[in-house]
Amino acid sequence: LLRDDLEVLVAEARQLGYYTNLITSG
């Protein structure tokens, strides 16, 4: 979550067809 571009990367992964998982401390 310290990466400001996380949403960009998640959106691209979803568009590509990955199942996406965020592993976080919260």
mmCIF file of all heavy atoms, coordinates in Angstrom:
data_MODEL
# 
_entry.id   MODEL 
# 
loop_
_atom_site.group_PDB 
_atom_site.id 
_atom_site.type_symbol 
_atom_site.label_atom_id 
_atom_site.label_alt_id 
_atom_site.label_comp_id 
_atom_site.label_asym_id 
_atom_site.label_entity_id 
_atom_site.label_seq_id 
_atom_site.pdbx_PDB_ins_code 
_atom_site.Cartn_x 
_atom_site.Cartn_y 
_atom_site.Cartn_z 
_atom_site.occupancy 
_atom_site.B_iso_or_equiv 
_atom_site.pdbx_formal_charge 
_atom_site.auth_seq_id 
_atom_site.auth_comp_id 
_atom_site.auth_asym_id 
_atom_site.auth_atom_id 
_atom_site.pdbx_PDB_model_num 
ATOM 1   N N   . LEU A 1 1  ? 0.815   -1.215  0.000   1.00 0.00 ? 1  LEU A N   1 
ATOM 2   C CA  . LEU A 1 1  ? 0.000   0.000   0.000   1.00 0.00 ? 1  LEU A CA  1 
ATOM 3   C C   . LEU A 1 1  ? 0.851   1.268   0.000   1.00 0.00 ? 1  LEU A C   1 
ATOM 4   O O   . LEU A 1 1  ? 0.335   2.360   -0.246  1.00 0.00 ? 1  LEU A O   1 
ATOM 5   C CB  . LEU A 1 1  ? -0.941  0.001   1.210   1.00 0.00 ? 1  LEU A CB  1 
ATOM 6   C CG  . LEU A 1 1  ? -2.118  -0.976  1.114   1.00 0.00 ? 1  LEU A CG  1 
ATOM 7   C CD1 . LEU A 1 1  ? -2.753  -1.180  2.478   1.00 0.00 ? 1  LEU A CD1 1 
ATOM 8   C CD2 . LEU A 1 1  ? -3.155  -0.485  0.107   1.00 0.00 ? 1  LEU A CD2 1 
ATOM 9   N N   . LEU A 1 2  ? 2.154   1.143   0.240   1.00 0.00 ? 2  LEU A N   1 
ATOM 10  C CA  . LEU A 1 2  ? 3.042   2.304   0.161   1.00 0.00 ? 2  LEU A CA  1 
ATOM 11  C C   . LEU A 1 2  ? 3.342   2.701   -1.282  1.00 0.00 ? 2  LEU A C   1 
ATOM 12  O O   . LEU A 1 2  ? 3.914   3.772   -1.520  1.00 0.00 ? 2  LEU A O   1 
ATOM 13  C CB  . LEU A 1 2  ? 4.345   2.028   0.920   1.00 0.00 ? 2  LEU A CB  1 
ATOM 14  C CG  . LEU A 1 2  ? 4.209   1.929   2.441   1.00 0.00 ? 2  LEU A CG  1 
ATOM 15  C CD1 . LEU A 1 2  ? 5.534   1.523   3.075   1.00 0.00 ? 2  LEU A CD1 1 
ATOM 16  C CD2 . LEU A 1 2  ? 3.728   3.259   3.025   1.00 0.00 ? 2  LEU A CD2 1 
ATOM 17  N N   . ARG A 1 3  ? 2.969   1.853   -2.228  1.00 0.00 ? 3  ARG A N   1 
ATOM 18  C CA  . ARG A 1 3  ? 3.124   2.196   -3.644  1.00 0.00 ? 3  ARG A CA  1 
ATOM 19  C C   . ARG A 1 3  ? 1.897   2.979   -4.116  1.00 0.00 ? 3  ARG A C   1 
ATOM 20  O O   . ARG A 1 3  ? 0.775   2.497   -4.060  1.00 0.00 ? 3  ARG A O   1 
ATOM 21  C CB  . ARG A 1 3  ? 3.277   0.932   -4.497  1.00 0.00 ? 3  ARG A CB  1 
ATOM 22  C CG  . ARG A 1 3  ? 4.574   0.203   -4.323  1.00 0.00 ? 3  ARG A CG  1 
ATOM 23  C CD  . ARG A 1 3  ? 5.714   0.808   -5.102  1.00 0.00 ? 3  ARG A CD  1 
ATOM 24  N NE  . ARG A 1 3  ? 5.503   0.862   -6.536  1.00 0.00 ? 3  ARG A NE  1 
ATOM 25  C CZ  . ARG A 1 3  ? 6.443   0.653   -7.440  1.00 0.00 ? 3  ARG A CZ  1 
ATOM 26  N NH1 . ARG A 1 3  ? 7.678   0.367   -7.058  1.00 0.00 ? 3  ARG A NH1 1 
ATOM 27  N NH2 . ARG A 1 3  ? 6.176   0.746   -8.731  1.00 0.00 ? 3  ARG A NH2 1 
ATOM 28  N N   . ASP A 1 4  ? 2.135   4.202   -4.614  1.00 0.00 ? 4  ASP A N   1 
ATOM 29  C CA  . ASP A 1 4  ? 1.038   5.036   -5.095  1.00 0.00 ? 4  ASP A CA  1 
ATOM 30  C C   . ASP A 1 4  ? 0.387   4.480   -6.359  1.00 0.00 ? 4  ASP A C   1 
ATOM 31  O O   . ASP A 1 4  ? -0.742  4.857   -6.689  1.00 0.00 ? 4  ASP A O   1 
ATOM 32  C CB  . ASP A 1 4  ? 1.545   6.460   -5.372  1.00 0.00 ? 4  ASP A CB  1 
ATOM 33  C CG  . ASP A 1 4  ? 1.981   7.173   -4.103  1.00 0.00 ? 4  ASP A CG  1 
ATOM 34  O OD1 . ASP A 1 4  ? 1.495   6.793   -3.014  1.00 0.00 ? 4  ASP A OD1 1 
ATOM 35  O OD2 . ASP A 1 4  ? 2.809   8.100   -4.202  1.00 0.00 ? 4  ASP A OD2 1 
ATOM 36  N N   . ASP A 1 5  ? 1.105   3.605   -7.077  1.00 0.00 ? 5  ASP A N   1 
ATOM 37  C CA  . ASP A 1 5  ? 0.571   3.068   -8.329  1.00 0.00 ? 5  ASP A CA  1 
ATOM 38  C C   . ASP A 1 5  ? -0.097  1.708   -8.150  1.00 0.00 ? 5  ASP A C   1 
ATOM 39  O O   . ASP A 1 5  ? -0.377  1.014   -9.131  1.00 0.00 ? 5  ASP A O   1 
ATOM 40  C CB  . ASP A 1 5  ? 1.681   2.956   -9.380  1.00 0.00 ? 5  ASP A CB  1 
ATOM 41  C CG  . ASP A 1 5  ? 2.853   2.084   -8.922  1.00 0.00 ? 5  ASP A CG  1 
ATOM 42  O OD1 . ASP A 1 5  ? 2.827   1.601   -7.770  1.00 0.00 ? 5  ASP A OD1 1 
ATOM 43  O OD2 . ASP A 1 5  ? 3.797   1.903   -9.712  1.00 0.00 ? 5  ASP A OD2 1 
ATOM 44  N N   . LEU A 1 6  ? -0.391  1.330   -6.917  1.00 0.00 ? 6  LEU A N   1 
ATOM 45  C CA  . LEU A 1 6  ? -0.971  0.003   -6.674  1.00 0.00 ? 6  LEU A CA  1 
ATOM 46  C C   . LEU A 1 6  ? -2.271  -0.189  -7.446  1.00 0.00 ? 6  LEU A C   1 
ATOM 47  O O   . LEU A 1 6  ? -2.499  -1.248  -8.048  1.00 0.00 ? 6  LEU A O   1 
ATOM 48  C CB  . LEU A 1 6  ? -1.204  -0.204  -5.174  1.00 0.00 ? 6  LEU A CB  1 
ATOM 49  C CG  . LEU A 1 6  ? -1.852  -1.536  -4.768  1.00 0.00 ? 6  LEU A CG  1 
ATOM 50  C CD1 . LEU A 1 6  ? -0.993  -2.722  -5.195  1.00 0.00 ? 6  LEU A CD1 1 
ATOM 51  C CD2 . LEU A 1 6  ? -2.101  -1.571  -3.253  1.00 0.00 ? 6  LEU A CD2 1 
ATOM 52  N N   . GLU A 1 7  ? -3.130  0.821   -7.447  1.00 0.00 ? 7  GLU A N   1 
ATOM 53  C CA  . GLU A 1 7  ? -4.400  0.694   -8.152  1.00 0.00 ? 7  GLU A CA  1 
ATOM 54  C C   . GLU A 1 7  ? -4.192  0.488   -9.656  1.00 0.00 ? 7  GLU A C   1 
ATOM 55  O O   . GLU A 1 7  ? -4.933  -0.272  -10.289 1.00 0.00 ? 7  GLU A O   1 
ATOM 56  C CB  . GLU A 1 7  ? -5.262  1.944   -7.923  1.00 0.00 ? 7  GLU A CB  1 
ATOM 57  C CG  . GLU A 1 7  ? -5.796  2.070   -6.506  1.00 0.00 ? 7  GLU A CG  1 
ATOM 58  C CD  . GLU A 1 7  ? -4.839  2.768   -5.546  1.00 0.00 ? 7  GLU A CD  1 
ATOM 59  O OE1 . GLU A 1 7  ? -3.625  2.851   -5.858  1.00 0.00 ? 7  GLU A OE1 1 
ATOM 60  O OE2 . GLU A 1 7  ? -5.290  3.226   -4.495  1.00 0.00 ? 7  GLU A OE2 1 
ATOM 61  N N   . VAL A 1 8  ? -3.199  1.152   -10.221 1.00 0.00 ? 8  VAL A N   1 
ATOM 62  C CA  . VAL A 1 8  ? -2.883  0.995   -11.642 1.00 0.00 ? 8  VAL A CA  1 
ATOM 63  C C   . VAL A 1 8  ? -2.476  -0.450  -11.934 1.00 0.00 ? 8  VAL A C   1 
ATOM 64  O O   . VAL A 1 8  ? -2.910  -1.061  -12.921 1.00 0.00 ? 8  VAL A O   1 
ATOM 65  C CB  . VAL A 1 8  ? -1.767  1.970   -12.067 1.00 0.00 ? 8  VAL A CB  1 
ATOM 66  C CG1 . VAL A 1 8  ? -1.339  1.719   -13.513 1.00 0.00 ? 8  VAL A CG1 1 
ATOM 67  C CG2 . VAL A 1 8  ? -2.218  3.406   -11.884 1.00 0.00 ? 8  VAL A CG2 1 
ATOM 68  N N   . LEU A 1 9  ? -1.642  -0.998  -11.070 1.00 0.00 ? 9  LEU A N   1 
ATOM 69  C CA  . LEU A 1 9  ? -1.157  -2.366  -11.263 1.00 0.00 ? 9  LEU A CA  1 
ATOM 70  C C   . LEU A 1 9  ? -2.285  -3.381  -11.080 1.00 0.00 ? 9  LEU A C   1 
ATOM 71  O O   . LEU A 1 9  ? -2.389  -4.351  -11.842 1.00 0.00 ? 9  LEU A O   1 
ATOM 72  C CB  . LEU A 1 9  ? -0.007  -2.653  -10.291 1.00 0.00 ? 9  LEU A CB  1 
ATOM 73  C CG  . LEU A 1 9  ? 1.203   -1.724  -10.396 1.00 0.00 ? 9  LEU A CG  1 
ATOM 74  C CD1 . LEU A 1 9  ? 2.265   -2.108  -9.376  1.00 0.00 ? 9  LEU A CD1 1 
ATOM 75  C CD2 . LEU A 1 9  ? 1.781   -1.723  -11.798 1.00 0.00 ? 9  LEU A CD2 1 
ATOM 76  N N   . VAL A 1 10 ? -3.119  -3.158  -10.080 1.00 0.00 ? 10 VAL A N   1 
ATOM 77  C CA  . VAL A 1 10 ? -4.253  -4.060  -9.861  1.00 0.00 ? 10 VAL A CA  1 
ATOM 78  C C   . VAL A 1 10 ? -5.200  -4.036  -11.056 1.00 0.00 ? 10 VAL A C   1 
ATOM 79  O O   . VAL A 1 10 ? -5.662  -5.093  -11.529 1.00 0.00 ? 10 VAL A O   1 
ATOM 80  C CB  . VAL A 1 10 ? -5.007  -3.678  -8.566  1.00 0.00 ? 10 VAL A CB  1 
ATOM 81  C CG1 . VAL A 1 10 ? -6.341  -4.429  -8.477  1.00 0.00 ? 10 VAL A CG1 1 
ATOM 82  C CG2 . VAL A 1 10 ? -4.157  -3.978  -7.339  1.00 0.00 ? 10 VAL A CG2 1 
ATOM 83  N N   . ALA A 1 11 ? -5.481  -2.837  -11.556 1.00 0.00 ? 11 ALA A N   1 
ATOM 84  C CA  . ALA A 1 11 ? -6.397  -2.719  -12.700 1.00 0.00 ? 11 ALA A CA  1 
ATOM 85  C C   . ALA A 1 11 ? -5.850  -3.442  -13.928 1.00 0.00 ? 11 ALA A C   1 
ATOM 86  O O   . ALA A 1 11 ? -6.593  -4.126  -14.646 1.00 0.00 ? 11 ALA A O   1 
ATOM 87  C CB  . ALA A 1 11 ? -6.640  -1.242  -13.019 1.00 0.00 ? 11 ALA A CB  1 
ATOM 88  N N   . GLU A 1 12 ? -4.544  -3.318  -14.168 1.00 0.00 ? 12 GLU A N   1 
ATOM 89  C CA  . GLU A 1 12 ? -3.935  -3.997  -15.309 1.00 0.00 ? 12 GLU A CA  1 
ATOM 90  C C   . GLU A 1 12 ? -3.973  -5.507  -15.121 1.00 0.00 ? 12 GLU A C   1 
ATOM 91  O O   . GLU A 1 12 ? -4.297  -6.256  -16.056 1.00 0.00 ? 12 GLU A O   1 
ATOM 92  C CB  . GLU A 1 12 ? -2.492  -3.534  -15.492 1.00 0.00 ? 12 GLU A CB  1 
ATOM 93  C CG  . GLU A 1 12 ? -1.740  -4.211  -16.625 1.00 0.00 ? 12 GLU A CG  1 
ATOM 94  C CD  . GLU A 1 12 ? -2.258  -3.854  -18.009 1.00 0.00 ? 12 GLU A CD  1 
ATOM 95  O OE1 . GLU A 1 12 ? -3.100  -2.937  -18.115 1.00 0.00 ? 12 GLU A OE1 1 
ATOM 96  O OE2 . GLU A 1 12 ? -1.832  -4.487  -18.995 1.00 0.00 ? 12 GLU A OE2 1 
ATOM 97  N N   . ALA A 1 13 ? -3.663  -5.965  -13.908 1.00 0.00 ? 13 ALA A N   1 
ATOM 98  C CA  . ALA A 1 13 ? -3.696  -7.405  -13.633 1.00 0.00 ? 13 ALA A CA  1 
ATOM 99  C C   . ALA A 1 13 ? -5.103  -7.959  -13.838 1.00 0.00 ? 13 ALA A C   1 
ATOM 100 O O   . ALA A 1 13 ? -5.288  -9.042  -14.418 1.00 0.00 ? 13 ALA A O   1 
ATOM 101 C CB  . ALA A 1 13 ? -3.215  -7.678  -12.213 1.00 0.00 ? 13 ALA A CB  1 
ATOM 102 N N   . ARG A 1 14 ? -6.088  -7.235  -13.376 1.00 0.00 ? 14 ARG A N   1 
ATOM 103 C CA  . ARG A 1 14 ? -7.480  -7.686  -13.543 1.00 0.00 ? 14 ARG A CA  1 
ATOM 104 C C   . ARG A 1 14 ? -7.848  -7.729  -15.023 1.00 0.00 ? 14 ARG A C   1 
ATOM 105 O O   . ARG A 1 14 ? -8.480  -8.687  -15.498 1.00 0.00 ? 14 ARG A O   1 
ATOM 106 C CB  . ARG A 1 14 ? -8.413  -6.751  -12.779 1.00 0.00 ? 14 ARG A CB  1 
ATOM 107 C CG  . ARG A 1 14 ? -9.895  -7.097  -12.910 1.00 0.00 ? 14 ARG A CG  1 
ATOM 108 C CD  . ARG A 1 14 ? -10.181 -8.513  -12.390 1.00 0.00 ? 14 ARG A CD  1 
ATOM 109 N NE  . ARG A 1 14 ? -11.571 -8.875  -12.585 1.00 0.00 ? 14 ARG A NE  1 
ATOM 110 C CZ  . ARG A 1 14 ? -12.521 -8.751  -11.667 1.00 0.00 ? 14 ARG A CZ  1 
ATOM 111 N NH1 . ARG A 1 14 ? -12.217 -8.245  -10.483 1.00 0.00 ? 14 ARG A NH1 1 
ATOM 112 N NH2 . ARG A 1 14 ? -13.747 -9.120  -11.916 1.00 0.00 ? 14 ARG A NH2 1 
ATOM 113 N N   . GLN A 1 15 ? -7.449  -6.691  -15.772 1.00 0.00 ? 15 GLN A N   1 
ATOM 114 C CA  . GLN A 1 15 ? -7.762  -6.640  -17.197 1.00 0.00 ? 15 GLN A CA  1 
ATOM 115 C C   . GLN A 1 15 ? -7.103  -7.796  -17.949 1.00 0.00 ? 15 GLN A C   1 
ATOM 116 O O   . GLN A 1 15 ? -7.666  -8.337  -18.904 1.00 0.00 ? 15 GLN A O   1 
ATOM 117 C CB  . GLN A 1 15 ? -7.319  -5.289  -17.766 1.00 0.00 ? 15 GLN A CB  1 
ATOM 118 C CG  . GLN A 1 15 ? -7.750  -5.016  -19.197 1.00 0.00 ? 15 GLN A CG  1 
ATOM 119 C CD  . GLN A 1 15 ? -6.801  -5.613  -20.230 1.00 0.00 ? 15 GLN A CD  1 
ATOM 120 O OE1 . GLN A 1 15 ? -5.603  -5.681  -19.988 1.00 0.00 ? 15 GLN A OE1 1 
ATOM 121 N NE2 . GLN A 1 15 ? -7.339  -6.047  -21.362 1.00 0.00 ? 15 GLN A NE2 1 
ATOM 122 N N   . LEU A 1 16 ? -5.917  -8.205  -17.478 1.00 0.00 ? 16 LEU A N   1 
ATOM 123 C CA  . LEU A 1 16 ? -5.194  -9.301  -18.121 1.00 0.00 ? 16 LEU A CA  1 
ATOM 124 C C   . LEU A 1 16 ? -5.789  -10.666 -17.793 1.00 0.00 ? 16 LEU A C   1 
ATOM 125 O O   . LEU A 1 16 ? -5.489  -11.649 -18.472 1.00 0.00 ? 16 LEU A O   1 
ATOM 126 C CB  . LEU A 1 16 ? -3.725  -9.271  -17.691 1.00 0.00 ? 16 LEU A CB  1 
ATOM 127 C CG  . LEU A 1 16 ? -2.875  -8.121  -18.239 1.00 0.00 ? 16 LEU A CG  1 
ATOM 128 C CD1 . LEU A 1 16 ? -1.537  -8.041  -17.493 1.00 0.00 ? 16 LEU A CD1 1 
ATOM 129 C CD2 . LEU A 1 16 ? -2.637  -8.292  -19.740 1.00 0.00 ? 16 LEU A CD2 1 
ATOM 130 N N   . GLY A 1 17 ? -6.611  -10.722 -16.736 1.00 0.00 ? 17 GLY A N   1 
ATOM 131 C CA  . GLY A 1 17 ? -7.257  -11.985 -16.390 1.00 0.00 ? 17 GLY A CA  1 
ATOM 132 C C   . GLY A 1 17 ? -6.693  -12.691 -15.176 1.00 0.00 ? 17 GLY A C   1 
ATOM 133 O O   . GLY A 1 17 ? -7.056  -13.837 -14.900 1.00 0.00 ? 17 GLY A O   1 
ATOM 134 N N   . TYR A 1 18 ? -5.811  -12.035 -14.428 1.00 0.00 ? 18 TYR A N   1 
ATOM 135 C CA  . TYR A 1 18 ? -5.309  -12.619 -13.185 1.00 0.00 ? 18 TYR A CA  1 
ATOM 136 C C   . TYR A 1 18 ? -6.398  -12.614 -12.111 1.00 0.00 ? 18 TYR A C   1 
ATOM 137 O O   . TYR A 1 18 ? -7.275  -11.733 -12.090 1.00 0.00 ? 18 TYR A O   1 
ATOM 138 C CB  . TYR A 1 18 ? -4.156  -11.788 -12.619 1.00 0.00 ? 18 TYR A CB  1 
ATOM 139 C CG  . TYR A 1 18 ? -2.818  -11.908 -13.278 1.00 0.00 ? 18 TYR A CG  1 
ATOM 140 C CD1 . TYR A 1 18 ? -2.360  -10.899 -14.132 1.00 0.00 ? 18 TYR A CD1 1 
ATOM 141 C CD2 . TYR A 1 18 ? -1.977  -12.978 -13.019 1.00 0.00 ? 18 TYR A CD2 1 
ATOM 142 C CE1 . TYR A 1 18 ? -1.099  -10.955 -14.706 1.00 0.00 ? 18 TYR A CE1 1 
ATOM 143 C CE2 . TYR A 1 18 ? -0.714  -13.050 -13.588 1.00 0.00 ? 18 TYR A CE2 1 
ATOM 144 C CZ  . TYR A 1 18 ? -0.280  -12.043 -14.425 1.00 0.00 ? 18 TYR A CZ  1 
ATOM 145 O OH  . TYR A 1 18 ? 0.965   -12.105 -14.987 1.00 0.00 ? 18 TYR A OH  1 
ATOM 146 N N   . TYR A 1 19 ? -6.300  -13.561 -11.171 1.00 0.00 ? 19 TYR A N   1 
ATOM 147 C CA  . TYR A 1 19 ? -6.979  -13.449 -9.889  1.00 0.00 ? 19 TYR A CA  1 
ATOM 148 C C   . TYR A 1 19 ? -6.022  -12.698 -8.983  1.00 0.00 ? 19 TYR A C   1 
ATOM 149 O O   . TYR A 1 19 ? -4.884  -13.136 -8.763  1.00 0.00 ? 19 TYR A O   1 
ATOM 150 C CB  . TYR A 1 19 ? -7.313  -14.820 -9.306  1.00 0.00 ? 19 TYR A CB  1 
ATOM 151 C CG  . TYR A 1 19 ? -8.088  -14.739 -8.005  1.00 0.00 ? 19 TYR A CG  1 
ATOM 152 C CD1 . TYR A 1 19 ? -9.469  -14.614 -8.011  1.00 0.00 ? 19 TYR A CD1 1 
ATOM 153 C CD2 . TYR A 1 19 ? -7.428  -14.764 -6.782  1.00 0.00 ? 19 TYR A CD2 1 
ATOM 154 C CE1 . TYR A 1 19 ? -10.191 -14.525 -6.823  1.00 0.00 ? 19 TYR A CE1 1 
ATOM 155 C CE2 . TYR A 1 19 ? -8.133  -14.671 -5.593  1.00 0.00 ? 19 TYR A CE2 1 
ATOM 156 C CZ  . TYR A 1 19 ? -9.506  -14.553 -5.616  1.00 0.00 ? 19 TYR A CZ  1 
ATOM 157 O OH  . TYR A 1 19 ? -10.217 -14.458 -4.440  1.00 0.00 ? 19 TYR A OH  1 
ATOM 158 N N   . THR A 1 20 ? -6.446  -11.550 -8.457  1.00 0.00 ? 20 THR A N   1 
ATOM 159 C CA  . THR A 1 20 ? -5.524  -10.658 -7.757  1.00 0.00 ? 20 THR A CA  1 
ATOM 160 C C   . THR A 1 20 ? -5.699  -10.729 -6.246  1.00 0.00 ? 20 THR A C   1 
ATOM 161 O O   . THR A 1 20 ? -6.814  -10.777 -5.733  1.00 0.00 ? 20 THR A O   1 
ATOM 162 C CB  . THR A 1 20 ? -5.720  -9.205  -8.221  1.00 0.00 ? 20 THR A CB  1 
ATOM 163 O OG1 . THR A 1 20 ? -7.104  -8.849  -8.067  1.00 0.00 ? 20 THR A OG1 1 
ATOM 164 C CG2 . THR A 1 20 ? -5.313  -9.050  -9.678  1.00 0.00 ? 20 THR A CG2 1 
ATOM 165 N N   . ASN A 1 21 ? -4.573  -10.690 -5.552  1.00 0.00 ? 21 ASN A N   1 
ATOM 166 C CA  . ASN A 1 21 ? -4.539  -10.844 -4.101  1.00 0.00 ? 21 ASN A CA  1 
ATOM 167 C C   . ASN A 1 21 ? -3.604  -9.795  -3.518  1.00 0.00 ? 21 ASN A C   1 
ATOM 168 O O   . ASN A 1 21 ? -2.449  -9.687  -3.940  1.00 0.00 ? 21 ASN A O   1 
ATOM 169 C CB  . ASN A 1 21 ? -4.044  -12.259 -3.756  1.00 0.00 ? 21 ASN A CB  1 
ATOM 170 C CG  . ASN A 1 21 ? -3.994  -12.512 -2.263  1.00 0.00 ? 21 ASN A CG  1 
ATOM 171 O OD1 . ASN A 1 21 ? -4.625  -11.821 -1.478  1.00 0.00 ? 21 ASN A OD1 1 
ATOM 172 N ND2 . ASN A 1 21 ? -3.224  -13.514 -1.871  1.00 0.00 ? 21 ASN A ND2 1 
ATOM 173 N N   . LEU A 1 22 ? -4.091  -9.021  -2.572  1.00 0.00 ? 22 LEU A N   1 
ATOM 174 C CA  . LEU A 1 22 ? -3.274  -8.039  -1.860  1.00 0.00 ? 22 LEU A CA  1 
ATOM 175 C C   . LEU A 1 22 ? -2.896  -8.609  -0.504  1.00 0.00 ? 22 LEU A C   1 
ATOM 176 O O   . LEU A 1 22 ? -3.771  -8.964  0.293   1.00 0.00 ? 22 LEU A O   1 
ATOM 177 C CB  . LEU A 1 22 ? -4.041  -6.723  -1.693  1.00 0.00 ? 22 LEU A CB  1 
ATOM 178 C CG  . LEU A 1 22 ? -3.335  -5.623  -0.889  1.00 0.00 ? 22 LEU A CG  1 
ATOM 179 C CD1 . LEU A 1 22 ? -2.075  -5.146  -1.601  1.00 0.00 ? 22 LEU A CD1 1 
ATOM 180 C CD2 . LEU A 1 22 ? -4.285  -4.459  -0.629  1.00 0.00 ? 22 LEU A CD2 1 
ATOM 181 N N   . ILE A 1 23 ? -1.611  -8.719  -0.235  1.00 0.00 ? 23 ILE A N   1 
ATOM 182 C CA  . ILE A 1 23 ? -1.100  -9.252  1.030   1.00 0.00 ? 23 ILE A CA  1 
ATOM 183 C C   . ILE A 1 23 ? -0.593  -8.068  1.833   1.00 0.00 ? 23 ILE A C   1 
ATOM 184 O O   . ILE A 1 23 ? 0.416   -7.446  1.489   1.00 0.00 ? 23 ILE A O   1 
ATOM 185 C CB  . ILE A 1 23 ? 0.014   -10.275 0.764   1.00 0.00 ? 23 ILE A CB  1 
ATOM 186 C CG1 . ILE A 1 23 ? -0.515  -11.404 -0.133  1.00 0.00 ? 23 ILE A CG1 1 
ATOM 187 C CG2 . ILE A 1 23 ? 0.554   -10.852 2.078   1.00 0.00 ? 23 ILE A CG2 1 
ATOM 188 C CD1 . ILE A 1 23 ? 0.564   -12.273 -0.738  1.00 0.00 ? 23 ILE A CD1 1 
ATOM 189 N N   . THR A 1 24 ? -1.283  -7.717  2.914   1.00 0.00 ? 24 THR A N   1 
ATOM 190 C CA  . THR A 1 24 ? -1.057  -6.434  3.566   1.00 0.00 ? 24 THR A CA  1 
ATOM 191 C C   . THR A 1 24 ? -1.110  -6.519  5.089   1.00 0.00 ? 24 THR A C   1 
ATOM 192 O O   . THR A 1 24 ? -1.784  -7.382  5.653   1.00 0.00 ? 24 THR A O   1 
ATOM 193 C CB  . THR A 1 24 ? -2.103  -5.403  3.075   1.00 0.00 ? 24 THR A CB  1 
ATOM 194 O OG1 . THR A 1 24 ? -1.905  -4.149  3.746   1.00 0.00 ? 24 THR A OG1 1 
ATOM 195 C CG2 . THR A 1 24 ? -3.521  -5.881  3.331   1.00 0.00 ? 24 THR A CG2 1 
ATOM 196 N N   . SER A 1 25 ? -0.418  -5.573  5.720   1.00 0.00 ? 25 SER A N   1 
ATOM 197 C CA  . SER A 1 25 ? -0.533  -5.378  7.169   1.00 0.00 ? 25 SER A CA  1 
ATOM 198 C C   . SER A 1 25 ? -1.776  -4.581  7.507   1.00 0.00 ? 25 SER A C   1 
ATOM 199 O O   . SER A 1 25 ? -2.172  -4.504  8.669   1.00 0.00 ? 25 SER A O   1 
ATOM 200 C CB  . SER A 1 25 ? 0.693   -4.614  7.686   1.00 0.00 ? 25 SER A CB  1 
ATOM 201 O OG  . SER A 1 25 ? 0.691   -3.269  7.195   1.00 0.00 ? 25 SER A OG  1 
ATOM 202 N N   . GLY A 1 26 ? -2.375  -3.961  6.495   1.00 0.00 ? 26 GLY A N   1 
ATOM 203 C CA  . GLY A 1 26 ? -3.549  -3.117  6.696   1.00 0.00 ? 26 GLY A CA  1 
ATOM 204 C C   . GLY A 1 26 ? -3.219  -1.656  6.885   1.00 0.00 ? 26 GLY A C   1 
ATOM 205 O O   . GLY A 1 26 ? -4.099  -0.791  6.749   1.00 0.00 ? 26 GLY A O   1 
# 
